[in-house]
Amino acid sequence: MSNKKYVGLDMSLSSTGFCIKDGDKLHIETIRTNPRTCDNDLERLQHIVKEILKRIPADVGMICIEDYYVPMSKAQFGSAINLISLGTLMRIALYNKGLPFYVPTASQLKKYVTGKGNCQKNLVLREVYKRWGVDAKDDNQADACTLAYMAEAIVAYTDPNATLVEANADVLPQFQIDVLKKVVDDRPKYNIDA
C-alpha cells in the first residue's frame, strides 16, 4: 500500500484544489482559470479536466473528489450549474480511465478534518495545519489535502489485510472512522473492486 499515491480533488472553475499524497510527501497546488483562459465555457471545463488528468500519477491508489456544490439561494444557481458540469465531466473522465474514486460530501470532508460537519472554511484550513502540518494556501488546497488523506484512509479501511493503525501509524479519532464508514457504505464509488 505504501507504494501507491492518493489524490484529493476540490473542483472549482477558478481555482481547483489538487493534492497528491505519496507516503509522507504531499504535492498541493491550485489549478487556476478564468473566462479568458479558453475561448468558451466548454473549452474551459475541458481544460480543467485535462490539467487534472495530466497530474494524476499512473500508480494512484484512490481518488476522492468532493461532491457537487448545493446552492443555498437562487442567486447561486448559475454557479452551481457550472460546478455540476465540471464535476460531472471530471467524474466521467476518471471513470473512463478506470481510476478508482469515491465522492464524499462537503460535510463529510469537514467532519473528517475538524470533527464537525458544519464548520467554516477557515476552520478547515486551521485544522489541516494542526492535524497534518500542511500550510495550505487557500480553502481549495485545504479541502484537496483532506480528500487525499481520506483517499489513503479509505484504502486502509477497506483493505482486509491492513488496519487503520498500520496505514496511518497511529489510531484515527473515532469521528474519522465514522466518516470513513459512511463514505464507504453510503457514497458513490466508481471503479472499486468489490
N, C-alpha and C. Protein backbone atom coordinates (compact mmCIF):
# COMPACT_ATOMS: atom_id res chain seq x y z
N MET A 1 0.82 -1.19 0.00
CA MET A 1 0.00 0.00 0.00
C MET A 1 0.86 1.26 0.00
N SER A 2 2.05 1.20 0.58
CA SER A 2 2.87 2.39 0.70
C SER A 2 3.40 2.88 -0.65
N ASN A 3 3.38 2.02 -1.70
CA ASN A 3 3.88 2.47 -2.99
C ASN A 3 2.80 3.16 -3.82
N LYS A 4 1.61 3.27 -3.32
CA LYS A 4 0.52 3.94 -4.03
C LYS A 4 0.46 5.41 -3.64
N LYS A 5 -0.16 6.18 -4.52
CA LYS A 5 -0.37 7.60 -4.27
C LYS A 5 -1.86 7.85 -4.17
N TYR A 6 -2.23 8.89 -3.44
CA TYR A 6 -3.64 9.19 -3.18
C TYR A 6 -3.91 10.64 -3.57
N VAL A 7 -5.04 10.85 -4.25
CA VAL A 7 -5.35 12.16 -4.81
C VAL A 7 -6.63 12.71 -4.22
N GLY A 8 -6.61 14.01 -3.92
CA GLY A 8 -7.80 14.74 -3.50
C GLY A 8 -8.09 15.85 -4.48
N LEU A 9 -9.37 15.97 -4.87
CA LEU A 9 -9.79 16.99 -5.84
C LEU A 9 -10.92 17.83 -5.26
N ASP A 10 -10.70 19.14 -5.23
CA ASP A 10 -11.74 20.09 -4.84
C ASP A 10 -12.01 20.95 -6.08
N MET A 11 -13.06 20.59 -6.81
CA MET A 11 -13.33 21.18 -8.12
C MET A 11 -13.84 22.62 -8.00
N SER A 12 -13.31 23.46 -8.88
CA SER A 12 -13.70 24.86 -8.95
C SER A 12 -13.41 25.38 -10.35
N LEU A 13 -14.24 26.28 -10.83
CA LEU A 13 -13.99 26.87 -12.15
C LEU A 13 -12.78 27.79 -12.13
N SER A 14 -12.57 28.49 -11.03
CA SER A 14 -11.47 29.45 -10.98
C SER A 14 -10.23 28.94 -10.27
N SER A 15 -10.39 28.04 -9.29
CA SER A 15 -9.23 27.61 -8.50
C SER A 15 -9.46 26.22 -7.92
N THR A 16 -9.24 25.22 -8.76
CA THR A 16 -9.39 23.82 -8.34
C THR A 16 -8.24 23.44 -7.42
N GLY A 17 -8.58 22.88 -6.26
CA GLY A 17 -7.57 22.36 -5.35
C GLY A 17 -7.17 20.95 -5.76
N PHE A 18 -5.87 20.69 -5.81
CA PHE A 18 -5.34 19.40 -6.24
C PHE A 18 -4.26 18.97 -5.26
N CYS A 19 -4.34 17.73 -4.78
CA CYS A 19 -3.33 17.23 -3.84
C CYS A 19 -3.01 15.78 -4.14
N ILE A 20 -1.72 15.46 -4.13
CA ILE A 20 -1.24 14.08 -4.20
C ILE A 20 -0.54 13.78 -2.89
N LYS A 21 -0.93 12.69 -2.24
CA LYS A 21 -0.27 12.21 -1.04
C LYS A 21 0.54 10.97 -1.43
N ASP A 22 1.83 11.04 -1.20
CA ASP A 22 2.75 9.97 -1.54
C ASP A 22 3.57 9.65 -0.31
N GLY A 23 3.07 8.72 0.50
CA GLY A 23 3.71 8.45 1.78
C GLY A 23 3.60 9.68 2.67
N ASP A 24 4.75 10.19 3.13
CA ASP A 24 4.77 11.39 3.96
C ASP A 24 4.88 12.67 3.14
N LYS A 25 5.00 12.54 1.83
CA LYS A 25 5.15 13.72 0.97
C LYS A 25 3.80 14.13 0.39
N LEU A 26 3.62 15.44 0.29
CA LEU A 26 2.43 15.99 -0.33
C LEU A 26 2.82 16.94 -1.45
N HIS A 27 2.05 16.90 -2.51
CA HIS A 27 2.15 17.91 -3.56
C HIS A 27 0.76 18.56 -3.61
N ILE A 28 0.70 19.86 -3.33
CA ILE A 28 -0.57 20.58 -3.33
C ILE A 28 -0.44 21.77 -4.25
N GLU A 29 -1.48 21.97 -5.05
CA GLU A 29 -1.49 23.15 -5.92
C GLU A 29 -2.92 23.57 -6.21
N THR A 30 -3.03 24.75 -6.76
CA THR A 30 -4.30 25.28 -7.21
C THR A 30 -4.22 25.46 -8.72
N ILE A 31 -5.16 24.84 -9.42
CA ILE A 31 -5.23 24.97 -10.87
C ILE A 31 -6.17 26.14 -11.15
N ARG A 32 -5.61 27.23 -11.65
CA ARG A 32 -6.39 28.46 -11.83
C ARG A 32 -6.82 28.65 -13.28
N THR A 33 -8.05 29.10 -13.44
CA THR A 33 -8.56 29.51 -14.75
C THR A 33 -9.46 30.73 -14.56
N ASN A 34 -9.77 31.37 -15.67
CA ASN A 34 -10.75 32.45 -15.68
C ASN A 34 -11.46 32.41 -17.02
N PRO A 35 -12.48 33.20 -17.23
CA PRO A 35 -13.21 33.14 -18.51
C PRO A 35 -12.34 33.40 -19.74
N ARG A 36 -11.19 34.04 -19.58
CA ARG A 36 -10.30 34.31 -20.70
C ARG A 36 -9.30 33.18 -20.95
N THR A 37 -9.26 32.19 -20.07
CA THR A 37 -8.32 31.08 -20.24
C THR A 37 -8.58 30.32 -21.54
N CYS A 38 -9.84 30.21 -21.91
CA CYS A 38 -10.24 29.47 -23.11
C CYS A 38 -11.27 30.28 -23.89
N ASP A 39 -11.56 29.83 -25.11
CA ASP A 39 -12.48 30.57 -25.98
C ASP A 39 -13.92 30.53 -25.51
N ASN A 40 -14.32 29.45 -24.83
CA ASN A 40 -15.71 29.36 -24.37
C ASN A 40 -15.79 28.50 -23.11
N ASP A 41 -16.98 28.41 -22.55
CA ASP A 41 -17.15 27.71 -21.28
C ASP A 41 -16.86 26.22 -21.39
N LEU A 42 -17.22 25.57 -22.50
CA LEU A 42 -16.95 24.14 -22.62
C LEU A 42 -15.45 23.86 -22.74
N GLU A 43 -14.75 24.72 -23.48
CA GLU A 43 -13.29 24.56 -23.56
C GLU A 43 -12.65 24.75 -22.19
N ARG A 44 -13.19 25.67 -21.42
CA ARG A 44 -12.66 25.91 -20.07
C ARG A 44 -12.84 24.67 -19.19
N LEU A 45 -14.03 24.07 -19.25
CA LEU A 45 -14.27 22.85 -18.46
C LEU A 45 -13.33 21.74 -18.89
N GLN A 46 -13.18 21.55 -20.21
CA GLN A 46 -12.27 20.52 -20.71
C GLN A 46 -10.82 20.81 -20.32
N HIS A 47 -10.44 22.07 -20.33
CA HIS A 47 -9.08 22.46 -19.95
C HIS A 47 -8.78 22.04 -18.51
N ILE A 48 -9.72 22.31 -17.60
CA ILE A 48 -9.52 21.95 -16.19
C ILE A 48 -9.38 20.45 -16.05
N VAL A 49 -10.27 19.70 -16.69
CA VAL A 49 -10.22 18.24 -16.61
C VAL A 49 -8.90 17.72 -17.16
N LYS A 50 -8.45 18.23 -18.29
CA LYS A 50 -7.18 17.78 -18.88
C LYS A 50 -6.00 18.10 -17.96
N GLU A 51 -6.02 19.28 -17.34
CA GLU A 51 -4.94 19.64 -16.42
C GLU A 51 -4.88 18.69 -15.22
N ILE A 52 -6.04 18.31 -14.73
CA ILE A 52 -6.08 17.37 -13.60
C ILE A 52 -5.58 16.00 -14.05
N LEU A 53 -6.08 15.51 -15.17
CA LEU A 53 -5.68 14.18 -15.64
C LEU A 53 -4.17 14.10 -15.88
N LYS A 54 -3.55 15.19 -16.35
CA LYS A 54 -2.10 15.21 -16.56
C LYS A 54 -1.35 15.02 -15.24
N ARG A 55 -1.95 15.43 -14.15
CA ARG A 55 -1.26 15.41 -12.86
C ARG A 55 -1.49 14.12 -12.06
N ILE A 56 -2.48 13.33 -12.42
CA ILE A 56 -2.78 12.12 -11.67
C ILE A 56 -1.74 11.06 -12.03
N PRO A 57 -1.02 10.54 -11.03
CA PRO A 57 0.03 9.57 -11.33
C PRO A 57 -0.55 8.21 -11.75
N ALA A 58 0.24 7.48 -12.52
CA ALA A 58 -0.20 6.16 -13.00
C ALA A 58 -0.45 5.19 -11.85
N ASP A 59 0.29 5.35 -10.75
CA ASP A 59 0.17 4.42 -9.63
C ASP A 59 -0.76 4.95 -8.54
N VAL A 60 -1.81 5.66 -8.94
CA VAL A 60 -2.76 6.19 -7.96
C VAL A 60 -3.53 5.02 -7.33
N GLY A 61 -3.63 5.06 -6.01
CA GLY A 61 -4.35 4.01 -5.29
C GLY A 61 -5.80 4.33 -5.06
N MET A 62 -6.12 5.62 -4.94
CA MET A 62 -7.50 6.05 -4.71
C MET A 62 -7.56 7.56 -4.91
N ILE A 63 -8.73 8.00 -5.35
CA ILE A 63 -9.02 9.43 -5.52
C ILE A 63 -10.29 9.74 -4.76
N CYS A 64 -10.32 10.87 -4.10
CA CYS A 64 -11.56 11.40 -3.53
C CYS A 64 -11.83 12.75 -4.18
N ILE A 65 -13.03 12.90 -4.70
CA ILE A 65 -13.47 14.14 -5.31
C ILE A 65 -14.70 14.61 -4.55
N GLU A 66 -14.66 15.86 -4.10
CA GLU A 66 -15.78 16.38 -3.31
C GLU A 66 -17.06 16.40 -4.14
N ASP A 67 -18.16 16.06 -3.50
CA ASP A 67 -19.45 16.01 -4.17
C ASP A 67 -19.88 17.39 -4.65
N TYR A 68 -20.95 17.41 -5.42
CA TYR A 68 -21.45 18.64 -6.03
C TYR A 68 -21.80 19.70 -4.99
N TYR A 69 -21.59 20.93 -5.40
CA TYR A 69 -21.97 22.11 -4.62
C TYR A 69 -23.49 22.26 -4.67
N VAL A 70 -24.10 22.48 -3.53
CA VAL A 70 -25.55 22.66 -3.45
C VAL A 70 -25.83 24.14 -3.17
N PRO A 71 -26.55 24.82 -4.09
CA PRO A 71 -26.81 26.25 -3.88
C PRO A 71 -27.78 26.48 -2.73
N MET A 72 -27.56 27.59 -2.02
CA MET A 72 -28.41 27.95 -0.90
C MET A 72 -29.45 29.00 -1.28
N SER A 73 -29.28 29.64 -2.44
CA SER A 73 -30.23 30.66 -2.88
C SER A 73 -30.31 30.64 -4.40
N LYS A 74 -31.33 31.29 -4.94
CA LYS A 74 -31.50 31.36 -6.39
C LYS A 74 -30.32 32.04 -7.06
N ALA A 75 -29.71 32.98 -6.38
CA ALA A 75 -28.58 33.71 -6.95
C ALA A 75 -27.37 32.80 -7.19
N GLN A 76 -27.30 31.67 -6.51
CA GLN A 76 -26.17 30.75 -6.63
C GLN A 76 -26.40 29.65 -7.67
N PHE A 77 -27.58 29.60 -8.30
CA PHE A 77 -27.89 28.52 -9.23
C PHE A 77 -26.95 28.50 -10.44
N GLY A 78 -26.61 29.66 -10.99
CA GLY A 78 -25.72 29.71 -12.14
C GLY A 78 -24.36 29.10 -11.83
N SER A 79 -23.80 29.47 -10.69
CA SER A 79 -22.51 28.90 -10.26
C SER A 79 -22.63 27.40 -10.04
N ALA A 80 -23.73 26.99 -9.43
CA ALA A 80 -23.93 25.57 -9.14
C ALA A 80 -24.00 24.76 -10.43
N ILE A 81 -24.69 25.27 -11.44
CA ILE A 81 -24.80 24.55 -12.71
C ILE A 81 -23.43 24.39 -13.34
N ASN A 82 -22.62 25.43 -13.33
CA ASN A 82 -21.26 25.33 -13.89
C ASN A 82 -20.40 24.34 -13.11
N LEU A 83 -20.50 24.36 -11.78
CA LEU A 83 -19.72 23.42 -10.97
C LEU A 83 -20.18 21.99 -11.15
N ILE A 84 -21.49 21.80 -11.30
CA ILE A 84 -22.02 20.45 -11.55
C ILE A 84 -21.53 19.95 -12.90
N SER A 85 -21.51 20.83 -13.89
CA SER A 85 -20.99 20.45 -15.21
C SER A 85 -19.54 20.02 -15.11
N LEU A 86 -18.73 20.81 -14.41
CA LEU A 86 -17.31 20.49 -14.24
C LEU A 86 -17.14 19.18 -13.47
N GLY A 87 -17.87 19.04 -12.37
CA GLY A 87 -17.77 17.81 -11.58
C GLY A 87 -18.19 16.58 -12.35
N THR A 88 -19.21 16.71 -13.18
CA THR A 88 -19.67 15.58 -13.99
C THR A 88 -18.63 15.21 -15.04
N LEU A 89 -18.08 16.19 -15.73
CA LEU A 89 -17.02 15.90 -16.71
C LEU A 89 -15.83 15.22 -16.05
N MET A 90 -15.46 15.69 -14.85
CA MET A 90 -14.32 15.10 -14.16
C MET A 90 -14.62 13.65 -13.78
N ARG A 91 -15.81 13.40 -13.28
CA ARG A 91 -16.18 12.03 -12.90
C ARG A 91 -16.17 11.11 -14.11
N ILE A 92 -16.72 11.57 -15.23
CA ILE A 92 -16.74 10.75 -16.45
C ILE A 92 -15.32 10.46 -16.90
N ALA A 93 -14.44 11.45 -16.85
CA ALA A 93 -13.05 11.25 -17.26
C ALA A 93 -12.35 10.22 -16.36
N LEU A 94 -12.53 10.35 -15.04
CA LEU A 94 -11.94 9.39 -14.11
C LEU A 94 -12.50 7.99 -14.36
N TYR A 95 -13.81 7.93 -14.54
CA TYR A 95 -14.48 6.64 -14.78
C TYR A 95 -13.96 5.99 -16.05
N ASN A 96 -13.89 6.76 -17.14
CA ASN A 96 -13.44 6.22 -18.42
C ASN A 96 -11.99 5.77 -18.38
N LYS A 97 -11.18 6.39 -17.54
CA LYS A 97 -9.77 5.97 -17.41
C LYS A 97 -9.62 4.79 -16.45
N GLY A 98 -10.72 4.36 -15.83
CA GLY A 98 -10.68 3.22 -14.91
C GLY A 98 -10.05 3.55 -13.57
N LEU A 99 -10.00 4.83 -13.21
CA LEU A 99 -9.38 5.24 -11.95
C LEU A 99 -10.38 5.09 -10.80
N PRO A 100 -9.94 4.55 -9.67
CA PRO A 100 -10.86 4.34 -8.54
C PRO A 100 -11.12 5.65 -7.79
N PHE A 101 -12.41 5.92 -7.52
CA PHE A 101 -12.70 7.13 -6.76
C PHE A 101 -13.99 7.05 -5.98
N TYR A 102 -13.99 7.78 -4.88
CA TYR A 102 -15.15 7.98 -4.02
C TYR A 102 -15.55 9.45 -4.09
N VAL A 103 -16.81 9.71 -3.72
CA VAL A 103 -17.35 11.06 -3.78
C VAL A 103 -17.92 11.46 -2.42
N PRO A 104 -17.07 11.87 -1.47
CA PRO A 104 -17.56 12.33 -0.17
C PRO A 104 -18.27 13.68 -0.28
N THR A 105 -19.18 13.93 0.63
CA THR A 105 -19.87 15.22 0.68
C THR A 105 -18.96 16.27 1.33
N ALA A 106 -19.33 17.54 1.16
CA ALA A 106 -18.59 18.63 1.80
C ALA A 106 -18.64 18.49 3.32
N SER A 107 -19.78 18.09 3.86
CA SER A 107 -19.87 17.95 5.32
C SER A 107 -19.04 16.77 5.82
N GLN A 108 -18.91 15.71 5.04
CA GLN A 108 -18.04 14.59 5.44
C GLN A 108 -16.58 15.02 5.42
N LEU A 109 -16.20 15.79 4.42
CA LEU A 109 -14.84 16.32 4.35
C LEU A 109 -14.54 17.16 5.59
N LYS A 110 -15.45 18.08 5.91
CA LYS A 110 -15.26 18.95 7.07
C LYS A 110 -15.18 18.14 8.36
N LYS A 111 -16.08 17.17 8.50
CA LYS A 111 -16.07 16.37 9.72
C LYS A 111 -14.79 15.55 9.83
N TYR A 112 -14.28 15.05 8.70
CA TYR A 112 -13.07 14.24 8.74
C TYR A 112 -11.89 15.01 9.30
N VAL A 113 -11.79 16.28 8.99
CA VAL A 113 -10.64 17.05 9.45
C VAL A 113 -10.90 17.80 10.75
N THR A 114 -12.16 18.22 11.01
CA THR A 114 -12.43 19.06 12.19
C THR A 114 -13.23 18.36 13.28
N GLY A 115 -13.93 17.28 12.93
CA GLY A 115 -14.83 16.64 13.89
C GLY A 115 -16.25 17.18 13.80
N LYS A 116 -16.45 18.24 13.00
CA LYS A 116 -17.78 18.84 12.83
C LYS A 116 -18.06 18.97 11.34
N GLY A 117 -19.27 18.61 10.94
CA GLY A 117 -19.62 18.65 9.53
C GLY A 117 -20.14 19.97 9.03
N ASN A 118 -20.32 20.93 9.93
CA ASN A 118 -20.91 22.21 9.52
C ASN A 118 -20.07 23.40 10.00
N CYS A 119 -18.80 23.36 9.72
CA CYS A 119 -17.91 24.43 10.19
C CYS A 119 -17.54 25.38 9.06
N GLN A 120 -16.95 26.49 9.40
CA GLN A 120 -16.49 27.48 8.43
C GLN A 120 -15.22 26.99 7.73
N LYS A 121 -14.99 27.51 6.53
CA LYS A 121 -13.82 27.12 5.74
C LYS A 121 -12.50 27.43 6.44
N ASN A 122 -12.45 28.55 7.19
CA ASN A 122 -11.20 28.89 7.86
C ASN A 122 -10.83 27.87 8.93
N LEU A 123 -11.82 27.20 9.51
CA LEU A 123 -11.54 26.15 10.49
C LEU A 123 -10.90 24.94 9.80
N VAL A 124 -11.32 24.63 8.59
CA VAL A 124 -10.71 23.53 7.84
C VAL A 124 -9.24 23.85 7.57
N LEU A 125 -8.97 25.07 7.13
CA LEU A 125 -7.57 25.49 6.91
C LEU A 125 -6.73 25.31 8.17
N ARG A 126 -7.26 25.77 9.29
CA ARG A 126 -6.53 25.68 10.56
C ARG A 126 -6.31 24.23 10.97
N GLU A 127 -7.34 23.41 10.85
CA GLU A 127 -7.22 22.02 11.28
C GLU A 127 -6.31 21.21 10.37
N VAL A 128 -6.27 21.52 9.07
CA VAL A 128 -5.34 20.85 8.17
C VAL A 128 -3.90 21.11 8.64
N TYR A 129 -3.65 22.34 9.07
CA TYR A 129 -2.32 22.66 9.58
C TYR A 129 -2.05 21.96 10.92
N LYS A 130 -3.01 22.04 11.84
CA LYS A 130 -2.82 21.43 13.16
C LYS A 130 -2.70 19.90 13.08
N ARG A 131 -3.53 19.27 12.28
CA ARG A 131 -3.59 17.81 12.22
C ARG A 131 -2.42 17.21 11.44
N TRP A 132 -2.10 17.82 10.30
CA TRP A 132 -1.10 17.22 9.41
C TRP A 132 0.10 18.11 9.13
N GLY A 133 0.12 19.32 9.68
CA GLY A 133 1.25 20.22 9.47
C GLY A 133 1.33 20.78 8.06
N VAL A 134 0.19 20.82 7.38
CA VAL A 134 0.16 21.30 5.99
C VAL A 134 -0.30 22.75 5.98
N ASP A 135 0.53 23.61 5.39
CA ASP A 135 0.22 25.03 5.28
C ASP A 135 -0.43 25.30 3.92
N ALA A 136 -1.72 24.96 3.83
CA ALA A 136 -2.45 25.16 2.58
C ALA A 136 -2.61 26.66 2.32
N LYS A 137 -2.52 27.04 1.07
CA LYS A 137 -2.57 28.46 0.71
C LYS A 137 -3.99 29.01 0.66
N ASP A 138 -4.98 28.12 0.49
CA ASP A 138 -6.38 28.55 0.45
C ASP A 138 -7.28 27.36 0.81
N ASP A 139 -8.58 27.64 0.90
CA ASP A 139 -9.50 26.58 1.31
C ASP A 139 -9.61 25.48 0.25
N ASN A 140 -9.38 25.78 -1.02
CA ASN A 140 -9.41 24.75 -2.05
C ASN A 140 -8.28 23.74 -1.84
N GLN A 141 -7.10 24.24 -1.53
CA GLN A 141 -5.97 23.35 -1.25
C GLN A 141 -6.21 22.57 0.03
N ALA A 142 -6.78 23.21 1.05
CA ALA A 142 -7.06 22.51 2.32
C ALA A 142 -8.05 21.38 2.10
N ASP A 143 -9.09 21.65 1.32
CA ASP A 143 -10.07 20.60 1.02
C ASP A 143 -9.43 19.46 0.24
N ALA A 144 -8.61 19.78 -0.78
CA ALA A 144 -7.95 18.75 -1.58
C ALA A 144 -7.02 17.91 -0.71
N CYS A 145 -6.31 18.56 0.21
CA CYS A 145 -5.43 17.85 1.12
C CYS A 145 -6.22 16.86 1.98
N THR A 146 -7.32 17.34 2.55
CA THR A 146 -8.17 16.47 3.37
C THR A 146 -8.67 15.29 2.55
N LEU A 147 -9.08 15.54 1.32
CA LEU A 147 -9.58 14.47 0.47
C LEU A 147 -8.50 13.45 0.13
N ALA A 148 -7.25 13.90 -0.04
CA ALA A 148 -6.15 12.96 -0.29
C ALA A 148 -5.90 12.08 0.94
N TYR A 149 -5.94 12.68 2.13
CA TYR A 149 -5.81 11.89 3.36
C TYR A 149 -6.97 10.90 3.49
N MET A 150 -8.17 11.34 3.14
CA MET A 150 -9.33 10.44 3.17
C MET A 150 -9.16 9.29 2.20
N ALA A 151 -8.65 9.57 0.99
CA ALA A 151 -8.45 8.52 -0.01
C ALA A 151 -7.52 7.44 0.52
N GLU A 152 -6.44 7.87 1.15
CA GLU A 152 -5.50 6.90 1.72
C GLU A 152 -6.16 6.09 2.83
N ALA A 153 -6.90 6.76 3.69
CA ALA A 153 -7.55 6.07 4.81
C ALA A 153 -8.66 5.13 4.33
N ILE A 154 -9.35 5.48 3.26
CA ILE A 154 -10.37 4.60 2.70
C ILE A 154 -9.76 3.28 2.24
N VAL A 155 -8.61 3.36 1.58
CA VAL A 155 -7.94 2.14 1.14
C VAL A 155 -7.58 1.28 2.34
N ALA A 156 -7.06 1.89 3.39
CA ALA A 156 -6.72 1.14 4.60
C ALA A 156 -7.98 0.56 5.24
N TYR A 157 -9.03 1.37 5.29
CA TYR A 157 -10.29 0.95 5.91
C TYR A 157 -10.91 -0.24 5.18
N THR A 158 -10.77 -0.28 3.86
CA THR A 158 -11.41 -1.34 3.06
C THR A 158 -10.49 -2.51 2.75
N ASP A 159 -9.22 -2.43 3.10
CA ASP A 159 -8.27 -3.50 2.83
C ASP A 159 -8.34 -4.53 3.96
N PRO A 160 -8.73 -5.77 3.64
CA PRO A 160 -8.83 -6.77 4.70
C PRO A 160 -7.48 -7.14 5.30
N ASN A 161 -6.39 -6.81 4.63
CA ASN A 161 -5.05 -7.15 5.12
C ASN A 161 -4.37 -6.00 5.84
N ALA A 162 -5.04 -4.86 5.96
CA ALA A 162 -4.45 -3.71 6.63
C ALA A 162 -5.41 -3.20 7.69
N THR A 163 -4.86 -2.49 8.63
CA THR A 163 -5.71 -1.85 9.63
C THR A 163 -5.47 -0.35 9.53
N LEU A 164 -6.40 0.40 10.06
CA LEU A 164 -6.21 1.85 10.07
C LEU A 164 -4.96 2.23 10.85
N VAL A 165 -4.65 1.47 11.88
CA VAL A 165 -3.47 1.76 12.68
C VAL A 165 -2.21 1.59 11.83
N GLU A 166 -2.12 0.47 11.10
CA GLU A 166 -0.95 0.24 10.25
C GLU A 166 -0.82 1.29 9.15
N ALA A 167 -1.93 1.66 8.57
CA ALA A 167 -1.89 2.59 7.44
C ALA A 167 -1.54 4.00 7.88
N ASN A 168 -1.89 4.38 9.07
CA ASN A 168 -1.72 5.76 9.49
C ASN A 168 -0.72 5.94 10.64
N ALA A 169 -0.09 4.87 11.06
CA ALA A 169 0.94 4.90 12.09
C ALA A 169 0.41 5.24 13.47
N ASP A 170 -0.83 5.61 13.59
CA ASP A 170 -1.45 5.81 14.90
C ASP A 170 -2.96 5.68 14.72
N VAL A 171 -3.66 5.58 15.81
CA VAL A 171 -5.10 5.35 15.76
C VAL A 171 -5.82 6.62 15.30
N LEU A 172 -6.73 6.44 14.37
CA LEU A 172 -7.55 7.56 13.93
C LEU A 172 -8.59 7.89 14.99
N PRO A 173 -8.96 9.15 15.11
CA PRO A 173 -10.05 9.50 16.03
C PRO A 173 -11.35 8.83 15.56
N GLN A 174 -12.23 8.57 16.50
CA GLN A 174 -13.47 7.88 16.18
C GLN A 174 -14.29 8.63 15.13
N PHE A 175 -14.28 9.96 15.17
CA PHE A 175 -15.08 10.71 14.18
C PHE A 175 -14.56 10.47 12.77
N GLN A 176 -13.26 10.27 12.60
CA GLN A 176 -12.73 9.96 11.27
C GLN A 176 -13.15 8.57 10.82
N ILE A 177 -13.10 7.62 11.71
CA ILE A 177 -13.54 6.26 11.38
C ILE A 177 -15.02 6.27 11.02
N ASP A 178 -15.82 7.04 11.75
CA ASP A 178 -17.25 7.16 11.44
C ASP A 178 -17.47 7.73 10.04
N VAL A 179 -16.69 8.75 9.68
CA VAL A 179 -16.80 9.34 8.35
C VAL A 179 -16.42 8.31 7.29
N LEU A 180 -15.31 7.62 7.49
CA LEU A 180 -14.88 6.61 6.52
C LEU A 180 -15.95 5.56 6.30
N LYS A 181 -16.55 5.10 7.38
CA LYS A 181 -17.62 4.09 7.26
C LYS A 181 -18.78 4.62 6.43
N LYS A 182 -19.20 5.86 6.68
CA LYS A 182 -20.30 6.45 5.93
C LYS A 182 -19.94 6.62 4.44
N VAL A 183 -18.73 7.08 4.18
CA VAL A 183 -18.31 7.27 2.80
C VAL A 183 -18.29 5.92 2.07
N VAL A 184 -17.66 4.93 2.68
CA VAL A 184 -17.54 3.62 2.03
C VAL A 184 -18.90 2.96 1.86
N ASP A 185 -19.76 3.07 2.87
CA ASP A 185 -21.05 2.38 2.82
C ASP A 185 -22.12 3.11 2.02
N ASP A 186 -22.10 4.45 2.03
CA ASP A 186 -23.25 5.20 1.52
C ASP A 186 -22.98 6.13 0.34
N ARG A 187 -21.75 6.41 0.02
CA ARG A 187 -21.45 7.42 -1.01
C ARG A 187 -21.15 6.76 -2.36
N PRO A 188 -21.33 7.53 -3.46
CA PRO A 188 -20.99 6.98 -4.78
C PRO A 188 -19.51 6.59 -4.84
N LYS A 189 -19.28 5.47 -5.49
CA LYS A 189 -17.91 4.99 -5.69
C LYS A 189 -17.85 4.36 -7.07
N TYR A 190 -16.69 4.49 -7.71
CA TYR A 190 -16.55 4.04 -9.09
C TYR A 190 -15.21 3.35 -9.27
N ASN A 191 -15.21 2.32 -10.12
CA ASN A 191 -14.00 1.55 -10.44
C ASN A 191 -13.37 0.98 -9.17
N ILE A 192 -14.21 0.59 -8.22
CA ILE A 192 -13.75 -0.02 -6.97
C ILE A 192 -13.98 -1.51 -7.06
N ASP A 193 -12.94 -2.30 -6.83
CA ASP A 193 -13.12 -3.75 -6.83
C ASP A 193 -13.99 -4.15 -5.65
N ALA A 194 -15.01 -4.93 -5.94
CA ALA A 194 -15.93 -5.35 -4.86
C ALA A 194 -15.43 -6.58 -4.16
